[in-house]
Protein backbone atom coordinates (compact mmCIF):
# COMPACT_ATOMS: atom_id res chain seq x y z
CA MET A 1 39.98 2.37 -10.66
CA MET A 2 39.51 4.14 -7.07
CA PHE A 3 35.80 5.92 -8.57
CA THR A 4 34.69 2.29 -10.07
CA ARG A 5 35.02 0.76 -6.42
CA TRP A 6 33.37 4.16 -4.56
CA LYS A 7 30.92 3.81 -7.23
CA ARG A 8 29.60 0.87 -6.71
CA TRP A 9 30.24 0.56 -2.26
CA LEU A 10 28.01 3.67 -2.72
CA VAL A 11 25.00 1.52 -4.77
CA ALA A 12 25.72 -0.88 -2.35
CA TRP A 13 24.59 0.78 0.39
CA ALA A 14 21.69 3.00 -1.20
CA GLU A 15 20.11 -0.70 -2.04
CA ARG A 16 21.10 -1.32 1.36
CA GLN A 17 19.19 1.58 2.87
CA GLN A 18 16.57 1.38 0.54
CA GLN A 19 15.61 -2.28 2.03
CA ARG A 20 15.64 -0.91 5.34
CA GLU A 21 13.02 1.33 4.45
CA ILE A 22 11.25 -0.66 2.77
CA GLN A 23 10.95 -3.54 5.62
CA ARG A 24 10.71 -0.30 8.25
CA LEU A 25 7.56 0.77 5.95
CA HIS A 26 6.07 -2.59 5.59
CA GLU A 27 6.11 -3.54 9.36
CA GLU A 28 4.68 -0.11 10.26
CA GLY A 29 1.71 -0.54 8.05
CA CYS A 30 0.86 -3.96 9.32
CA ARG A 31 1.44 -2.49 13.05
CA LEU A 32 -0.90 -0.05 12.13
CA LYS A 33 -3.24 -2.12 10.19
CA GLU A 34 -3.67 -4.92 13.48
CA GLU A 35 -4.21 -1.64 15.41
CA LEU A 36 -6.91 -0.32 13.79
CA LEU A 37 -9.26 -3.53 13.14
CA ARG A 38 -8.15 -4.60 17.00
CA LEU A 39 -9.58 -0.71 17.89
CA THR A 40 -13.21 -0.98 15.32
CA ALA A 41 -13.44 -4.19 16.50
CA GLU A 42 -13.80 -5.36 12.66
CA GLU A 43 -12.81 -8.31 10.32
CA GLN A 44 -11.68 -5.69 7.42
CA ILE A 45 -11.01 -2.25 6.57
CA ILE A 46 -13.44 -0.95 4.61
CA LEU A 47 -12.34 2.46 2.57
CA SER A 48 -14.77 4.46 0.87
CA PRO A 49 -14.57 5.49 -3.00
CA GLU A 50 -12.89 8.90 -1.99
CA GLN A 51 -10.22 6.72 0.11
CA ARG A 52 -9.77 4.54 -2.75
CA ARG A 53 -9.26 7.43 -5.27
CA GLN A 54 -6.41 9.26 -2.43
CA LEU A 55 -4.54 6.35 -2.24
CA TRP A 56 -4.45 5.19 -5.66
CA GLU A 57 -2.94 8.49 -6.41
CA LYS A 58 -0.64 8.21 -3.87
CA ALA A 59 0.43 4.71 -4.81
CA LYS A 60 0.69 5.60 -8.79
CA ARG A 61 4.31 7.85 -7.14
CA ILE A 62 5.87 4.61 -6.03
CA ASP A 63 7.41 2.10 -7.61
CA PRO A 64 5.26 -0.84 -8.36
CA GLU A 65 7.39 -3.01 -7.12
CA ILE A 66 8.12 -1.40 -4.04
CA LEU A 67 4.68 -0.76 -3.42
CA LYS A 68 3.50 -4.96 -3.77
CA GLN A 69 6.43 -4.93 -0.94
CA ILE A 70 4.57 -2.37 1.66
CA ALA A 71 0.81 -2.50 0.08
CA GLN A 72 -1.11 -3.36 2.81
CA PHE A 73 -4.00 -4.07 0.67
CA ASP A 74 -4.77 -5.58 -2.43
CA LEU A 75 -3.45 -3.01 -5.23
CA GLN A 76 -6.62 -3.67 -7.25
CA ASP A 77 -8.86 -2.79 -5.03
CA LEU A 78 -7.20 0.56 -5.07
CA GLN A 79 -8.09 1.81 -8.33
CA PRO A 80 -10.42 4.76 -8.51
CA PRO A 81 -14.36 3.78 -8.84
CA SER A 82 -16.11 4.24 -12.11
CA ALA A 83 -19.33 6.82 -11.26
CA ASN A 84 -22.15 4.24 -11.07
CA ASP A 85 -19.50 1.72 -8.70
CA HIS A 86 -21.71 0.82 -5.96
CA THR A 87 -18.99 -1.30 -4.35
CA VAL A 88 -16.89 -1.36 -1.37
CA TYR A 89 -13.79 -2.33 -1.10
CA SER A 90 -11.70 -3.56 1.37
CA SER A 91 -8.07 -5.09 3.40
CA THR A 92 -9.19 -8.87 2.04
CA ASP A 93 -10.10 -9.98 -1.22
CA SER A 94 -14.24 -9.74 -0.58
CA LEU A 95 -16.11 -7.43 -1.52
CA VAL A 96 -19.23 -6.30 -0.91
CA GLN A 97 -22.03 -4.81 -3.37
CA LEU A 98 -23.82 -1.84 -1.75
CA GLY A 99 -27.48 -1.32 -2.93
CA ARG A 100 -28.67 2.02 -4.18
CA PRO A 101 -30.06 4.59 -1.86
């Protein structure tokens, strides 16, 4: 009986710690995004295909529900581009089509 109560307390404590960390990451992401937009004087953050691929690789290792809580980008925008993709994705829902060089 004592073990069961201890286990429940420990699980609840771990969940609270995890929620605090998720909240901290979300707030830090918002702050960094705002600072980047302010410093660059841009309305959106434009990611290169390589940056999108790197973020996608990191995002794959995070639980999808947690990722939704902390993500600053539309998760669909992070999917790696195909070889013929000439689209620039940004932190907003808008897309900019690029012409071939």
